[in-house]
Amino acid sequence: IQVYPNVALTARAMATLDLLPLLRVGELDVAFVTARAPMREFHCLQVASFRLGIVATRNGDLAGVDRLSWPEVAQLPLIQREPHAGTRRIFEEAAATAGVGIGTVLGLGSWGSITSLVRAGIGVGVGFEIELTAADKDLKFVPIDDPALDAHQYLVTMPAMAETSLVTQFFEITLEICA
């Protein structure tokens, strides 16, 4: 705020597919969304890349497993993001492309809820490797053998908004932070 006194920020934590309509109607100027590739309808800046896979307890059923195949994932009780989340969409599209039916037992809105239920033994989580922190020593990330599970975080805006002063400043700030 001190470095950029002309930029006011209001943040909303929502699923990707819930944010996009708000951009389209002008309720939001910019949004961070998760997708496999830039969306043609929007002006996009890729800010990060992630690997999507399974999050399990270190001492649980997947303790000795370093990688999973889709048929193995199909046997797991999955705890995923809510239905409109970009993460869930990418995961389910990759499973469908692989010809695998998956068993989602719960769809939740927060990463903290997912990890709490994984710890409680309800199932395994679907998430990004980067979401695990130093505090998650009891959890592990298990990649799935599928390049379609590479995803990206994008800063997006409507093309008509891309050249406005406020949005340009937000993109510049994001570039500085991500550089």
Protein backbone atom coordinates (compact mmCIF):
# COMPACT_ATOMS: atom_id res chain seq x y z
CA ILE A 1 0.00 0.00 0.00
CA GLN A 2 2.87 2.38 0.76
CA VAL A 3 4.66 1.56 -2.49
CA TYR A 4 1.46 1.70 -4.58
CA PRO A 5 -0.81 4.20 -2.80
CA ASN A 6 -3.20 4.49 -5.78
CA VAL A 7 -4.07 0.78 -5.81
CA ALA A 8 -6.98 -0.36 -3.66
CA LEU A 9 -7.40 -4.09 -3.25
CA THR A 10 -10.47 -6.10 -2.35
CA ALA A 11 -9.85 -9.84 -2.31
CA ARG A 12 -12.31 -12.68 -2.74
CA ALA A 13 -11.43 -16.34 -2.32
CA MET A 14 -13.53 -18.20 -4.86
CA ALA A 15 -13.27 -21.07 -7.30
CA THR A 16 -11.99 -20.26 -10.79
CA LEU A 17 -15.31 -20.94 -12.50
CA ASP A 18 -17.05 -18.62 -10.03
CA LEU A 19 -14.56 -15.78 -10.64
CA LEU A 20 -14.75 -15.75 -14.44
CA PRO A 21 -18.40 -14.57 -14.68
CA LEU A 22 -17.57 -11.73 -12.27
CA LEU A 23 -14.78 -10.62 -14.61
CA ARG A 24 -17.10 -10.77 -17.61
CA VAL A 25 -19.70 -8.48 -16.03
CA GLY A 26 -17.15 -6.07 -14.56
CA GLU A 27 -17.56 -6.89 -10.88
CA LEU A 28 -13.85 -7.76 -10.75
CA ASP A 29 -11.02 -6.07 -12.64
CA VAL A 30 -8.54 -8.95 -12.25
CA ALA A 31 -8.51 -12.47 -10.84
CA PHE A 32 -6.02 -15.25 -10.19
CA VAL A 33 -7.26 -18.48 -11.74
CA THR A 34 -5.99 -22.02 -12.20
CA ALA A 35 -5.96 -23.48 -15.71
CA ARG A 36 -3.97 -25.77 -17.99
CA ALA A 37 -3.45 -23.04 -20.61
CA PRO A 38 -4.22 -19.34 -21.13
CA MET A 39 -7.88 -18.69 -21.78
CA ARG A 40 -8.48 -17.04 -25.17
CA GLU A 41 -11.30 -14.87 -23.87
CA PHE A 42 -9.02 -13.14 -21.32
CA HIS A 43 -5.76 -11.23 -21.21
CA CYS A 44 -3.59 -13.67 -19.21
CA LEU A 45 -0.27 -13.49 -17.39
CA GLN A 46 1.16 -16.82 -16.23
CA VAL A 47 2.51 -16.34 -12.71
CA ALA A 48 3.26 -19.89 -11.56
CA SER A 49 3.27 -23.53 -12.63
CA PHE A 50 2.28 -26.50 -10.50
CA ARG A 51 2.01 -30.27 -10.59
CA LEU A 52 -1.35 -31.72 -9.56
CA GLY A 53 -1.46 -35.05 -7.77
CA ILE A 54 -2.44 -36.90 -4.62
CA VAL A 55 -1.80 -35.76 -1.06
CA ALA A 56 -1.72 -38.52 1.53
CA THR A 57 -0.43 -39.15 5.03
CA ARG A 58 3.23 -40.17 5.17
CA ASN A 59 2.45 -43.23 7.29
CA GLY A 60 -0.78 -44.29 5.59
CA ASP A 61 -1.63 -46.68 2.77
CA LEU A 62 0.54 -44.76 0.29
CA ALA A 63 3.60 -44.56 2.57
CA GLY A 64 5.87 -46.52 0.22
CA VAL A 65 4.38 -45.24 -3.03
CA ASP A 66 6.41 -42.75 -5.11
CA ARG A 67 4.10 -42.47 -8.16
CA LEU A 68 0.59 -43.51 -9.10
CA SER A 69 -1.08 -44.61 -12.33
CA TRP A 70 -4.65 -43.62 -13.18
CA PRO A 71 -5.98 -47.15 -12.48
CA GLU A 72 -4.44 -46.91 -9.00
CA VAL A 73 -5.98 -43.45 -8.46
CA ALA A 74 -9.39 -44.86 -9.49
CA GLN A 75 -9.27 -47.09 -6.39
CA LEU A 76 -8.74 -44.19 -3.95
CA PRO A 77 -11.38 -42.24 -1.99
CA LEU A 78 -10.68 -38.69 -3.20
CA ILE A 79 -11.21 -35.42 -1.39
CA GLN A 80 -11.25 -32.68 -3.99
CA ARG A 81 -11.91 -28.98 -4.31
CA GLU A 82 -15.45 -27.77 -4.85
CA PRO A 83 -17.04 -28.50 -8.27
CA HIS A 84 -16.27 -25.05 -9.77
CA ALA A 85 -12.58 -25.08 -8.86
CA GLY A 86 -10.04 -25.01 -11.69
CA THR A 87 -8.03 -27.65 -9.84
CA ARG A 88 -10.92 -30.09 -9.84
CA ARG A 89 -11.74 -29.38 -13.48
CA ILE A 90 -8.15 -30.09 -14.59
CA PHE A 91 -8.03 -33.27 -12.51
CA GLU A 92 -11.37 -34.63 -13.73
CA GLU A 93 -10.63 -33.79 -17.38
CA ALA A 94 -7.30 -35.64 -17.14
CA ALA A 95 -9.01 -38.65 -15.55
CA ALA A 96 -11.68 -38.67 -18.28
CA THR A 97 -9.04 -38.42 -21.00
CA ALA A 98 -7.25 -41.37 -19.38
CA GLY A 99 -10.55 -43.28 -19.47
CA VAL A 100 -10.70 -43.65 -15.70
CA GLY A 101 -13.65 -43.18 -13.38
CA ILE A 102 -12.65 -41.63 -10.09
CA GLY A 103 -14.28 -41.80 -6.67
CA THR A 104 -14.70 -38.35 -5.16
CA VAL A 105 -16.07 -38.71 -1.64
CA LEU A 106 -16.07 -34.99 -0.79
CA GLY A 107 -15.73 -31.65 -2.54
CA LEU A 108 -14.52 -28.82 -0.31
CA GLY A 109 -13.74 -25.14 -0.70
CA SER A 110 -10.53 -24.85 1.26
CA TRP A 111 -7.15 -26.53 1.25
CA GLY A 112 -7.17 -26.59 5.06
CA SER A 113 -10.40 -28.61 5.06
CA ILE A 114 -8.93 -31.09 2.60
CA THR A 115 -5.74 -31.66 4.60
CA SER A 116 -7.70 -31.97 7.85
CA LEU A 117 -9.82 -34.76 6.38
CA VAL A 118 -6.77 -36.48 4.87
CA ARG A 119 -5.19 -36.44 8.33
CA ALA A 120 -8.42 -37.86 9.79
CA GLY A 121 -8.21 -40.81 7.39
CA ILE A 122 -11.35 -39.94 5.37
CA GLY A 123 -9.51 -40.21 2.05
CA VAL A 124 -6.62 -38.76 0.07
CA GLY A 125 -6.55 -35.22 -1.21
CA VAL A 126 -6.18 -33.85 -4.71
CA GLY A 127 -3.91 -30.84 -4.75
CA PHE A 128 -0.77 -29.16 -5.94
CA GLU A 129 2.63 -30.17 -4.62
CA ILE A 130 3.36 -26.52 -3.81
CA GLU A 131 0.39 -26.39 -1.42
CA LEU A 132 2.23 -28.56 1.08
CA THR A 133 4.23 -26.44 3.50
CA ALA A 134 6.91 -27.09 6.11
CA ALA A 135 4.07 -27.48 8.62
CA ASP A 136 2.73 -30.46 6.66
CA LYS A 137 5.49 -32.88 7.66
CA ASP A 138 2.90 -35.61 8.20
CA LEU A 139 1.67 -35.36 4.58
CA LYS A 140 3.27 -36.25 1.27
CA PHE A 141 2.66 -35.49 -2.38
CA VAL A 142 2.37 -38.44 -4.76
CA PRO A 143 2.52 -37.54 -8.47
CA ILE A 144 0.34 -39.28 -11.04
CA ASP A 145 1.91 -40.45 -14.32
CA ASP A 146 0.13 -37.98 -16.60
CA PRO A 147 1.53 -34.79 -18.17
CA ALA A 148 -2.03 -33.41 -18.38
CA LEU A 149 -1.78 -32.69 -14.65
CA ASP A 150 0.57 -29.75 -15.14
CA ALA A 151 -1.35 -26.57 -14.39
CA HIS A 152 -0.70 -22.88 -14.10
CA GLN A 153 -1.85 -19.92 -12.07
CA TYR A 154 -2.79 -16.95 -14.24
CA LEU A 155 -3.58 -13.36 -13.50
CA VAL A 156 -6.45 -12.57 -15.87
CA THR A 157 -8.53 -9.61 -16.95
CA MET A 158 -10.90 -8.82 -19.76
CA PRO A 159 -9.02 -7.56 -22.86
CA ALA A 160 -10.84 -4.21 -22.68
CA MET A 161 -9.50 -3.71 -19.13
CA ALA A 162 -5.90 -4.73 -19.87
CA GLU A 163 -4.76 -1.21 -20.76
CA THR A 164 -6.46 0.65 -17.92
CA SER A 165 -4.10 2.28 -15.45
CA LEU A 166 -5.23 0.30 -12.42
CA VAL A 167 -5.09 -3.07 -14.14
CA THR A 168 -1.74 -2.26 -15.77
CA GLN A 169 -0.35 -1.40 -12.31
CA PHE A 170 -1.68 -4.65 -10.87
CA PHE A 171 -0.03 -6.67 -13.65
CA GLU A 172 3.25 -4.75 -13.11
CA ILE A 173 3.15 -5.42 -9.36
CA THR A 174 2.50 -9.10 -10.03
CA LEU A 175 5.41 -9.26 -12.48
CA GLU A 176 7.71 -7.67 -9.87
CA ILE A 177 6.66 -10.13 -7.19
CA CYS A 178 6.90 -13.18 -9.46
CA ALA A 179 10.23 -12.22 -11.08
